[in-house]
Amino acid sequence: MSFDEVARLAQQKGLFFKSADSYPNSPAGFWDYGPLGVALRSNVVSLWRRLIVKRDAMMEIDGSQILPKAVFEASGHLSGFTDPFVRCAKCSSVFRPDKLVEEKTKKQVPEKLQDSEYDSLMAQAGVKCLKCGSPLSGTSRFNMMFRVGIGPIQEEAYLRPETCQSIFVDIPFLFKTQRVKLPVGVAQIGRSFRNEIAPRQGLLRLRELNQAEVEVFFNPKRADDPDRFAPGQEDVLTIQSPDGASHSLKASEALEKGLLPSRLTGYYLALLLRFYEAAGLPRDRLRFRMLSAEDRAFYSKAAYDLEVQLSVGWLELVACNYRGDYDLGRHAAVSGSDFTFDDGGEKVLPHVFELSLGVDRSVYAIIETAMRADGERRYLALRPYIAPVKAGVFPLVNKDGLQEVAKDVFRILQDSFDVQYDESGSIGRRYARADEVGVPLCVTVDYDTLKDRTVTLRSRDDRAQERVPIDALTERLAAATRAPTISW
């Protein structure tokens, strides 16, 4: 399925849509979720909490979205969180030069080039303004943070561009109050804000985005602990090295070949893969792209982008960074606070391995991957436990008391599940509407129900039907929609 088909479904069913679309010329990069989209996103986040946060005994926090200027001076965002841009000399439209060159040449452009290098690539590709075809200015830089003023004196602060800084500045307090032992993961789900230059393609590039972040704090001397990080070492990872070569090998083998820096890294990359498989993304469409020293952030000792292959090409879902002790060291130096930790009698400034997951992109990827076409039939083959609606309840016809029984069944189920009631149109049309938004099961109350208290339970994917007693429905739905666990 294509990006346009996903966008069309999203608009038709209210999964997600442009923010303030009722106002003309509202700014790009802001999107709202409708009821079904909220439920789907919530279920994906719940699966993340279950399979990653809770399984690994991580702590979860909810940090402030506004942080003082000093935090971003320490982190390097004030000086380094910039993107390149060019401006049309005639119509003043603004573009990113790397994206213009990629669209023109169909080749990926490195992210960390000098301004003059972007100018050379644009000249070689013959890039012009996409709107009016006029020449473009030379490349300039733009800091993507949103500045805010606090109080009547407008004290300088910023909306966070990534959720991890909240975790870093809170870690001394967590070390003191939570009886922490290294290694430990600290997780956070929340909003980040990036003043993107030219956001396009719906949920794939936003100015206000949802992140599910994990920062793993560890003693670098124990990153290869054979007991703690034994799980996942036999899992097969597909890693594209910086030279473009693709390697499919066990995590333990990737460590031996120097593609991974530690057992800890292999463990968490394997855990990520298992989460996305559970969410419905096939493993053969997932890979880790290993970033070169030139492409990764200056603080990063090793970096891997977890990508999925979709109709738009390879799309980054998770940024996995070994950040070393850069963040805690910088915050300690600027704040004057102690960020060290007593690890079994050794005072250590912990190192950090980061899993920064884009929730909105993940939701999009799950929808596109789940879209199916069978002749004229369209349906979303979502995993039942992340489907926004678990079951539809329908009376076969709207007479002879079937509606009343169907509503009783609906009330029974709605105490435990997200269910919908629909009595409009033919039963076939109601099945089709449910299939389009990924409802895994439909319950139909018919004339036999009045005789024996059984209903027809229909499966979305194969359209198989069976008779089930009303009293057994709750147990059947619970079994069919139960989320999986990870066992190594």
Protein backbone atom coordinates (compact mmCIF):
# COMPACT_ATOMS: atom_id res chain seq x y z
CA MET A 1 0.00 0.00 0.00
CA SER A 2 1.12 3.55 -0.67
CA PHE A 3 1.48 6.64 1.49
CA ASP A 4 -1.48 8.23 -0.34
CA GLU A 5 -3.71 5.25 0.47
CA VAL A 6 -2.80 5.45 4.16
CA ALA A 7 -3.46 9.20 4.15
CA ARG A 8 -6.82 8.66 2.45
CA LEU A 9 -7.87 6.03 5.02
CA ALA A 10 -6.71 8.28 7.85
CA GLN A 11 -8.81 11.17 6.58
CA GLN A 12 -11.90 9.06 5.86
CA LYS A 13 -11.91 7.34 9.24
CA GLY A 14 -10.51 10.18 11.33
CA LEU A 15 -7.38 8.30 12.39
CA PHE A 16 -5.26 11.44 12.05
CA PHE A 17 -5.68 14.73 10.20
CA LYS A 18 -4.10 18.16 9.82
CA SER A 19 -4.44 20.37 12.87
CA ALA A 20 -6.66 23.47 12.57
CA ASP A 21 -7.55 22.40 9.03
CA SER A 22 -10.74 24.48 9.24
CA TYR A 23 -8.52 27.56 9.06
CA PRO A 24 -6.89 28.34 5.71
CA ASN A 25 -3.08 28.50 5.57
CA SER A 26 -2.60 26.92 8.99
CA PRO A 27 1.08 25.97 9.45
CA ALA A 28 2.34 22.58 8.34
CA GLY A 29 3.80 19.98 10.67
CA PHE A 30 0.97 19.85 13.22
CA TRP A 31 -1.42 16.89 13.16
CA ASP A 32 -4.29 15.74 15.37
CA TYR A 33 -5.39 12.21 16.17
CA GLY A 34 -9.06 11.28 16.04
CA PRO A 35 -10.74 8.70 18.32
CA LEU A 36 -9.47 5.63 16.44
CA GLY A 37 -6.00 7.11 16.08
CA VAL A 38 -5.79 7.92 19.79
CA ALA A 39 -6.80 4.37 20.67
CA LEU A 40 -4.30 2.82 18.23
CA ARG A 41 -1.46 5.04 19.45
CA SER A 42 -2.36 4.30 23.08
CA ASN A 43 -2.30 0.56 22.39
CA VAL A 44 1.11 0.77 20.68
CA VAL A 45 2.48 2.70 23.67
CA SER A 46 0.94 0.15 26.06
CA LEU A 47 2.69 -2.64 24.15
CA TRP A 48 5.98 -0.69 24.40
CA ARG A 49 5.48 -0.35 28.15
CA ARG A 50 4.70 -4.05 28.50
CA LEU A 51 7.43 -5.54 26.32
CA ILE A 52 10.26 -3.06 26.95
CA VAL A 53 9.71 -0.90 30.03
CA LYS A 54 8.12 -3.42 32.38
CA ARG A 55 9.92 -6.45 31.04
CA ASP A 56 13.29 -4.79 31.67
CA ALA A 57 12.23 -3.39 35.08
CA MET A 58 12.79 0.19 33.94
CA MET A 59 11.66 3.30 35.76
CA GLU A 60 9.24 5.61 33.96
CA ILE A 61 9.06 9.36 34.50
CA ASP A 62 7.03 12.21 33.06
CA GLY A 63 9.27 15.26 32.71
CA SER A 64 8.46 18.88 32.01
CA GLN A 65 8.17 19.91 28.36
CA ILE A 66 9.72 23.34 29.11
CA LEU A 67 13.28 23.46 30.41
CA PRO A 68 15.55 26.40 31.27
CA LYS A 69 18.11 27.78 28.86
CA ALA A 70 21.03 26.41 30.89
CA VAL A 71 19.93 22.82 30.22
CA PHE A 72 20.27 23.33 26.48
CA GLU A 73 23.53 25.20 26.85
CA ALA A 74 24.88 22.13 28.63
CA SER A 75 23.42 19.68 26.12
CA GLY A 76 24.75 21.57 23.12
CA HIS A 77 21.36 22.23 21.58
CA LEU A 78 21.67 26.00 21.60
CA SER A 79 24.76 25.86 19.43
CA GLY A 80 24.31 22.61 17.52
CA PHE A 81 20.61 21.79 17.06
CA THR A 82 20.38 23.30 13.59
CA ASP A 83 19.19 22.26 10.16
CA PRO A 84 20.32 23.62 6.78
CA PHE A 85 17.87 25.63 4.66
CA VAL A 86 17.72 27.55 1.40
CA ARG A 87 15.30 30.27 0.34
CA CYS A 88 13.82 31.05 -3.08
CA ALA A 89 14.99 34.42 -4.40
CA LYS A 90 11.58 35.10 -6.00
CA CYS A 91 8.75 33.59 -3.94
CA SER A 92 10.64 33.27 -0.60
CA SER A 93 9.69 29.61 -0.19
CA VAL A 94 11.99 27.73 2.18
CA PHE A 95 13.39 24.23 1.66
CA ARG A 96 15.96 21.85 3.10
CA PRO A 97 18.80 21.44 0.59
CA ASP A 98 19.43 17.77 1.42
CA LYS A 99 15.78 16.89 0.71
CA LEU A 100 15.79 18.85 -2.55
CA VAL A 101 18.86 16.99 -3.77
CA GLU A 102 17.42 13.62 -2.67
CA GLU A 103 14.18 14.27 -4.56
CA LYS A 104 16.11 15.32 -7.65
CA THR A 105 18.73 12.54 -7.67
CA LYS A 106 16.84 9.77 -5.82
CA LYS A 107 20.00 9.24 -3.76
CA GLN A 108 20.40 9.64 -0.01
CA VAL A 109 22.37 12.69 1.10
CA PRO A 110 24.52 12.55 4.28
CA GLU A 111 23.12 14.54 7.19
CA LYS A 112 26.28 16.19 8.49
CA LEU A 113 27.61 18.11 5.47
CA GLN A 114 29.04 21.61 5.47
CA ASP A 115 26.91 24.41 3.97
CA SER A 116 29.27 24.70 1.00
CA GLU A 117 28.93 20.96 0.33
CA TYR A 118 25.12 21.27 0.16
CA ASP A 119 25.55 24.20 -2.26
CA SER A 120 27.79 22.09 -4.50
CA LEU A 121 25.34 19.18 -4.52
CA MET A 122 22.45 21.50 -5.45
CA ALA A 123 24.49 23.02 -8.29
CA GLN A 124 25.43 19.61 -9.63
CA ALA A 125 21.80 18.40 -9.47
CA GLY A 126 20.41 21.61 -11.00
CA VAL A 127 18.01 22.15 -8.11
CA LYS A 128 15.49 25.01 -8.42
CA CYS A 129 12.56 26.22 -6.35
CA LEU A 130 9.85 23.56 -6.31
CA LYS A 131 7.08 26.18 -6.40
CA CYS A 132 8.20 28.67 -9.04
CA GLY A 133 11.40 27.25 -10.56
CA SER A 134 13.56 30.24 -9.59
CA PRO A 135 17.14 30.07 -8.26
CA LEU A 136 17.75 29.38 -4.57
CA SER A 137 19.95 31.15 -2.05
CA GLY A 138 23.05 29.61 -0.53
CA THR A 139 22.63 27.28 2.43
CA SER A 140 22.07 28.85 5.85
CA ARG A 141 21.44 27.38 9.31
CA PHE A 142 18.34 27.50 11.52
CA ASN A 143 18.04 26.47 15.19
CA MET A 144 14.97 24.26 15.46
CA MET A 145 14.07 24.83 19.11
CA PHE A 146 10.92 26.70 20.10
CA ARG A 147 11.82 29.55 22.47
CA VAL A 148 9.39 30.55 25.23
CA GLY A 149 9.41 33.28 27.86
CA ILE A 150 8.61 32.43 31.49
CA GLY A 151 6.76 34.89 33.70
CA PRO A 152 6.35 38.66 33.29
CA ILE A 153 10.09 39.19 32.77
CA GLN A 154 10.08 36.55 30.02
CA GLU A 155 12.94 34.47 31.40
CA GLU A 156 14.43 32.53 28.47
CA ALA A 157 13.47 28.85 28.22
CA TYR A 158 12.72 26.33 25.49
CA LEU A 159 10.30 23.57 24.61
CA ARG A 160 12.32 20.38 24.71
CA PRO A 161 13.40 19.11 21.26
CA GLU A 162 13.83 15.58 22.65
CA THR A 163 12.53 13.90 25.77
CA CYS A 164 15.91 12.58 26.93
CA GLN A 165 17.13 15.84 28.50
CA SER A 166 14.36 15.58 31.11
CA ILE A 167 15.70 12.15 32.02
CA PHE A 168 19.31 13.33 32.23
CA VAL A 169 18.60 16.30 34.51
CA ASP A 170 16.39 14.14 36.77
CA ILE A 171 18.80 11.22 37.15
CA PRO A 172 20.62 12.47 40.31
CA PHE A 173 17.28 12.68 42.11
CA LEU A 174 16.31 9.20 40.87
CA PHE A 175 19.67 7.80 41.99
CA LYS A 176 19.02 9.17 45.49
CA THR A 177 15.37 8.18 45.92
CA GLN A 178 14.73 4.98 43.94
CA ARG A 179 17.33 2.54 45.33
CA VAL A 180 18.77 2.14 41.84
CA LYS A 181 21.32 -0.45 40.76
CA LEU A 182 23.21 -0.22 37.49
CA PRO A 183 22.40 -1.00 34.77
CA VAL A 184 19.01 0.68 34.85
CA GLY A 185 16.71 2.00 32.16
CA VAL A 186 14.70 5.19 32.57
CA ALA A 187 11.78 5.55 30.17
CA GLN A 188 9.52 8.40 29.18
CA ILE A 189 6.62 8.85 26.79
CA GLY A 190 5.83 12.42 25.85
CA ARG A 191 5.88 15.33 23.42
CA SER A 192 8.92 16.92 21.84
CA PHE A 193 8.97 20.05 19.71
CA ARG A 194 11.10 20.72 16.66
CA ASN A 195 10.62 23.77 14.49
CA GLU A 196 11.17 21.84 11.26
CA ILE A 197 11.96 23.94 8.20
CA ALA A 198 9.62 22.32 5.68
CA PRO A 199 7.67 19.43 7.25
CA ARG A 200 5.74 17.22 4.84
CA GLN A 201 4.24 13.72 4.65
CA GLY A 202 1.87 13.79 7.60
CA LEU A 203 3.05 11.89 10.67
CA LEU A 204 6.49 11.26 9.20
CA ARG A 205 7.88 14.73 9.95
CA LEU A 206 6.21 16.79 12.64
CA ARG A 207 6.88 19.95 14.59
CA GLU A 208 5.10 18.49 17.63
CA LEU A 209 5.83 14.79 17.95
CA ASN A 210 5.39 11.89 20.35
CA GLN A 211 8.45 10.03 21.54
CA ALA A 212 8.88 6.87 23.59
CA GLU A 213 12.37 7.18 24.97
CA VAL A 214 14.61 4.87 26.94
CA GLU A 215 17.96 5.89 28.43
CA VAL A 216 19.92 2.97 29.83
CA PHE A 217 22.50 4.00 32.46
CA PHE A 218 25.36 1.55 32.98
CA ASN A 219 28.90 1.08 34.16
CA PRO A 220 30.99 0.79 30.96
CA LYS A 221 33.20 -1.80 32.68
CA ARG A 222 30.16 -4.09 32.94
CA ALA A 223 28.62 -3.58 29.49
CA ASP A 224 29.57 -7.14 28.55
CA ASP A 225 28.17 -8.84 31.67
CA PRO A 226 27.56 -12.40 30.36
CA ASP A 227 24.67 -13.05 32.75
CA ARG A 228 22.75 -9.76 32.59
CA PHE A 229 22.98 -9.46 28.80
CA ALA A 230 22.85 -13.11 27.75
CA PRO A 231 19.26 -12.81 26.40
CA GLY A 232 19.07 -11.71 22.79
CA GLN A 233 22.61 -12.69 21.87
CA GLU A 234 21.31 -15.51 19.64
CA ASP A 235 18.77 -13.25 17.92
CA VAL A 236 19.56 -12.46 14.28
CA LEU A 237 20.06 -8.76 13.49
CA THR A 238 20.23 -7.25 10.02
CA ILE A 239 22.82 -4.48 10.10
CA GLN A 240 23.78 -2.26 7.20
CA SER A 241 27.33 -1.09 7.79
CA PRO A 242 28.49 2.39 6.70
CA ASP A 243 30.01 0.93 3.51
CA GLY A 244 26.51 -0.18 2.42
CA ALA A 245 27.07 -3.89 3.01
CA SER A 246 24.21 -5.80 4.67
CA HIS A 247 24.96 -8.31 7.42
CA SER A 248 22.40 -10.75 8.84
CA LEU A 249 23.97 -12.42 11.85
CA LYS A 250 23.45 -13.19 15.51
CA ALA A 251 24.03 -10.37 17.97
CA SER A 252 26.93 -12.32 19.46
CA GLU A 253 28.50 -12.63 16.00
CA ALA A 254 27.99 -8.90 15.31
CA LEU A 255 29.89 -8.21 18.54
CA GLU A 256 32.76 -10.46 17.44
CA LYS A 257 32.94 -8.71 14.05
CA GLY A 258 33.05 -5.25 15.63
CA LEU A 259 29.59 -4.22 14.37
CA LEU A 260 28.38 -3.78 17.98
CA PRO A 261 30.33 -2.22 20.86
CA SER A 262 28.99 -4.45 23.65
CA ARG A 263 26.65 -7.24 24.72
CA LEU A 264 24.42 -4.55 26.21
CA THR A 265 23.91 -3.03 22.77
CA GLY A 266 23.00 -6.39 21.22
CA TYR A 267 20.53 -7.11 24.01
CA TYR A 268 18.60 -3.86 23.55
CA LEU A 269 18.63 -4.00 19.74
CA ALA A 270 17.20 -7.53 19.90
CA LEU A 271 14.57 -6.35 22.39
CA LEU A 272 13.53 -3.57 19.99
CA LEU A 273 13.14 -6.02 17.12
CA ARG A 274 10.93 -8.28 19.20
CA PHE A 275 8.75 -5.33 20.16
CA TYR A 276 8.20 -4.28 16.54
CA GLU A 277 7.52 -7.86 15.45
CA ALA A 278 4.86 -8.05 18.15
CA ALA A 279 3.44 -4.75 16.86
CA GLY A 280 3.04 -6.28 13.40
CA LEU A 281 6.14 -5.26 11.42
CA PRO A 282 7.79 -8.23 9.64
CA ARG A 283 11.41 -8.80 10.62
CA ASP A 284 12.47 -9.09 6.97
CA ARG A 285 11.45 -5.42 6.48
CA LEU A 286 13.46 -4.17 9.47
CA ARG A 287 17.14 -3.32 9.61
CA PHE A 288 19.65 -1.41 11.70
CA ARG A 289 21.57 1.16 9.68
CA MET A 290 24.94 1.68 11.34
CA LEU A 291 25.94 5.33 11.10
CA SER A 292 29.48 6.33 10.20
CA ALA A 293 31.54 8.65 12.40
CA GLU A 294 30.72 11.48 9.98
CA ASP A 295 26.96 10.87 10.12
CA ARG A 296 26.38 10.30 13.82
CA ALA A 297 26.02 13.05 16.42
CA PHE A 298 29.21 14.46 17.89
CA TYR A 299 28.47 12.94 21.32
CA SER A 300 27.75 9.47 19.94
CA LYS A 301 30.32 6.67 20.18
CA ALA A 302 28.13 4.32 18.10
CA ALA A 303 24.73 4.83 16.46
CA TYR A 304 22.15 2.63 14.75
CA ASP A 305 18.89 3.73 13.14
CA LEU A 306 16.20 1.06 13.24
CA GLU A 307 14.48 1.41 9.86
CA VAL A 308 11.47 -0.21 8.21
CA GLN A 309 10.98 -0.61 4.48
CA LEU A 310 7.73 1.04 3.38
CA SER A 311 6.26 2.58 0.24
CA VAL A 312 8.19 5.79 1.02
CA GLY A 313 11.47 3.86 1.20
CA TRP A 314 13.45 3.07 4.33
CA LEU A 315 11.94 5.01 7.23
CA GLU A 316 13.74 5.58 10.54
CA LEU A 317 11.68 4.50 13.56
CA VAL A 318 14.21 4.45 16.40
CA ALA A 319 17.51 6.24 16.94
CA CYS A 320 19.80 3.99 18.98
CA ASN A 321 22.82 5.91 20.32
CA TYR A 322 25.67 4.98 22.60
CA ARG A 323 26.08 8.45 24.12
CA GLY A 324 28.95 7.60 26.47
CA ASP A 325 29.16 9.92 29.50
CA TYR A 326 28.77 13.11 27.44
CA ASP A 327 25.31 14.12 28.73
CA LEU A 328 25.84 13.49 32.43
CA GLY A 329 29.31 15.02 32.26
CA ARG A 330 28.03 18.20 30.63
CA HIS A 331 25.09 18.60 33.01
CA ALA A 332 27.39 18.00 35.99
CA ALA A 333 29.83 20.65 34.75
CA VAL A 334 27.19 23.32 34.03
CA SER A 335 24.85 22.71 36.98
CA GLY A 336 27.49 21.96 39.60
CA SER A 337 25.48 18.93 40.75
CA ASP A 338 26.89 15.46 41.34
CA PHE A 339 25.86 13.00 38.62
CA THR A 340 28.09 10.12 39.78
CA PHE A 341 26.74 6.85 41.16
CA ASP A 342 28.08 4.33 43.63
CA ASP A 343 28.20 1.03 41.76
CA GLY A 344 29.26 -1.67 44.19
CA GLY A 345 31.77 0.57 45.91
CA GLU A 346 33.02 2.16 42.71
CA LYS A 347 32.10 5.77 42.06
CA VAL A 348 31.21 6.00 38.38
CA LEU A 349 29.79 8.54 35.99
CA PRO A 350 27.37 6.24 34.13
CA HIS A 351 27.43 5.83 30.38
CA VAL A 352 24.18 5.94 28.42
CA PHE A 353 22.67 3.82 25.66
CA GLU A 354 19.60 5.41 24.12
CA LEU A 355 16.53 4.00 22.34
CA SER A 356 14.60 7.00 21.02
CA LEU A 357 11.41 5.72 19.40
CA GLY A 358 9.21 7.87 17.17
CA VAL A 359 5.66 6.99 18.18
CA ASP A 360 3.93 8.77 15.28
CA ARG A 361 6.15 7.19 12.65
CA SER A 362 5.64 3.81 14.28
CA VAL A 363 1.86 4.23 14.16
CA TYR A 364 2.09 5.15 10.48
CA ALA A 365 4.34 2.15 9.72
CA ILE A 366 1.97 -0.23 11.53
CA ILE A 367 -1.02 1.08 9.57
CA GLU A 368 0.70 0.86 6.17
CA THR A 369 2.06 -2.62 6.90
CA ALA A 370 -1.37 -3.84 8.03
CA MET A 371 -3.30 -2.60 4.97
CA ARG A 372 -4.65 -5.44 2.83
CA ALA A 373 -6.56 -5.63 -0.46
CA ASP A 374 -8.59 -8.67 -1.52
CA GLY A 375 -10.41 -7.69 -4.70
CA GLU A 376 -12.75 -4.88 -3.72
CA ARG A 377 -12.32 -5.69 -0.05
CA ARG A 378 -10.02 -3.48 2.04
CA TYR A 379 -9.06 -4.26 5.60
CA LEU A 380 -6.44 -3.53 8.26
CA ALA A 381 -4.80 -6.71 9.53
CA LEU A 382 -3.79 -5.13 12.84
CA ARG A 383 -2.69 -7.38 15.67
CA PRO A 384 -5.82 -7.78 17.82
CA TYR A 385 -4.17 -6.41 20.96
CA ILE A 386 -3.28 -3.09 19.30
CA ALA A 387 -6.46 -2.71 17.26
CA PRO A 388 -8.31 0.45 18.39
CA VAL A 389 -11.61 -1.46 18.60
CA LYS A 390 -11.54 -5.08 19.72
CA ALA A 391 -15.01 -6.11 18.58
CA GLY A 392 -18.10 -4.83 16.83
CA VAL A 393 -21.55 -5.80 18.07
CA PHE A 394 -24.36 -5.89 15.49
CA PRO A 395 -27.99 -6.93 15.45
CA LEU A 396 -28.70 -8.83 12.23
CA VAL A 397 -31.78 -6.67 11.66
CA ASN A 398 -33.40 -3.83 13.57
CA LYS A 399 -36.57 -5.57 14.67
CA ASP A 400 -38.04 -8.48 16.63
CA GLY A 401 -36.03 -7.67 19.76
CA LEU A 402 -32.59 -8.26 18.20
CA GLN A 403 -31.52 -4.67 18.90
CA GLU A 404 -32.27 -4.99 22.60
CA VAL A 405 -30.26 -8.22 22.93
CA ALA A 406 -27.36 -6.76 20.91
CA LYS A 407 -27.25 -3.72 23.18
CA ASP A 408 -27.17 -6.02 26.23
CA VAL A 409 -24.21 -7.89 24.68
CA PHE A 410 -22.50 -4.57 23.98
CA ARG A 411 -22.92 -3.48 27.60
CA ILE A 412 -21.47 -6.77 28.84
CA LEU A 413 -18.37 -6.42 26.67
CA GLN A 414 -17.73 -2.70 27.07
CA ASP A 415 -16.77 -3.13 30.73
CA SER A 416 -13.67 -5.06 29.64
CA PHE A 417 -12.97 -4.11 26.01
CA ASP A 418 -13.06 -1.26 23.53
CA VAL A 419 -16.10 -2.28 21.49
CA GLN A 420 -18.47 -0.53 19.11
CA TYR A 421 -22.17 -0.95 18.40
CA ASP A 422 -23.46 -0.56 14.85
CA GLU A 423 -27.00 -1.13 13.57
CA SER A 424 -26.84 1.00 10.41
CA GLY A 425 -27.00 -0.59 6.94
CA SER A 426 -26.74 -4.20 5.85
CA ILE A 427 -24.75 -6.67 7.91
CA GLY A 428 -22.25 -6.99 5.05
CA ARG A 429 -21.67 -3.24 5.00
CA ARG A 430 -21.19 -3.21 8.76
CA TYR A 431 -18.59 -5.98 8.47
CA ALA A 432 -16.81 -3.96 5.77
CA ARG A 433 -16.74 -0.81 7.91
CA ALA A 434 -15.28 -2.76 10.81
CA ASP A 435 -12.67 -4.43 8.57
CA GLU A 436 -11.51 -1.07 7.21
CA VAL A 437 -10.40 0.11 10.66
CA GLY A 438 -8.97 -3.22 11.79
CA VAL A 439 -11.67 -4.54 14.15
CA PRO A 440 -10.52 -8.16 14.64
CA LEU A 441 -13.84 -9.70 15.69
CA CYS A 442 -17.52 -9.02 15.03
CA VAL A 443 -20.41 -10.32 17.14
CA THR A 444 -23.75 -10.69 15.36
CA VAL A 445 -27.01 -11.19 17.23
CA ASP A 446 -29.52 -13.09 15.06
CA TYR A 447 -32.73 -15.08 15.42
CA ASP A 448 -30.88 -18.14 16.75
CA THR A 449 -29.65 -15.93 19.60
CA LEU A 450 -33.23 -15.59 20.81
CA LYS A 451 -33.50 -19.38 20.96
CA ASP A 452 -30.20 -20.53 22.47
CA ARG A 453 -28.29 -17.41 23.65
CA THR A 454 -25.50 -17.93 21.14
CA VAL A 455 -24.11 -15.37 18.69
CA THR A 456 -22.08 -15.45 15.49
CA LEU A 457 -18.42 -14.59 16.10
CA ARG A 458 -16.74 -13.53 12.85
CA SER A 459 -12.98 -13.21 12.36
CA ARG A 460 -11.72 -10.25 10.32
CA ASP A 461 -8.78 -11.81 8.47
CA ASP A 462 -10.28 -15.07 7.18
CA ARG A 463 -13.96 -14.16 7.69
CA ALA A 464 -14.51 -17.49 9.48
CA GLN A 465 -17.67 -17.69 11.58
CA GLU A 466 -18.64 -19.77 14.60
CA ARG A 467 -21.39 -19.90 17.17
CA VAL A 468 -20.39 -18.84 20.67
CA PRO A 469 -22.53 -18.63 23.82
CA ILE A 470 -23.01 -15.07 25.07
CA ASP A 471 -21.71 -16.15 28.48
CA ALA A 472 -18.40 -17.24 26.87
CA LEU A 473 -17.81 -14.07 24.85
CA THR A 474 -15.77 -12.21 27.45
CA GLU A 475 -13.36 -15.11 27.85
CA ARG A 476 -13.07 -15.60 24.07
CA LEU A 477 -12.31 -11.93 23.42
CA ALA A 478 -9.79 -11.84 26.25
CA ALA A 479 -7.92 -14.80 24.77
CA ALA A 480 -8.04 -13.42 21.23
CA THR A 481 -6.80 -9.93 22.17
CA ARG A 482 -4.25 -10.77 24.86
CA ALA A 483 -0.87 -9.11 24.24
CA PRO A 484 2.18 -11.40 23.94
CA THR A 485 5.18 -11.61 26.22
CA ILE A 486 8.86 -11.88 25.33
CA SER A 487 10.66 -15.03 26.45
CA TRP A 488 14.24 -15.49 25.34
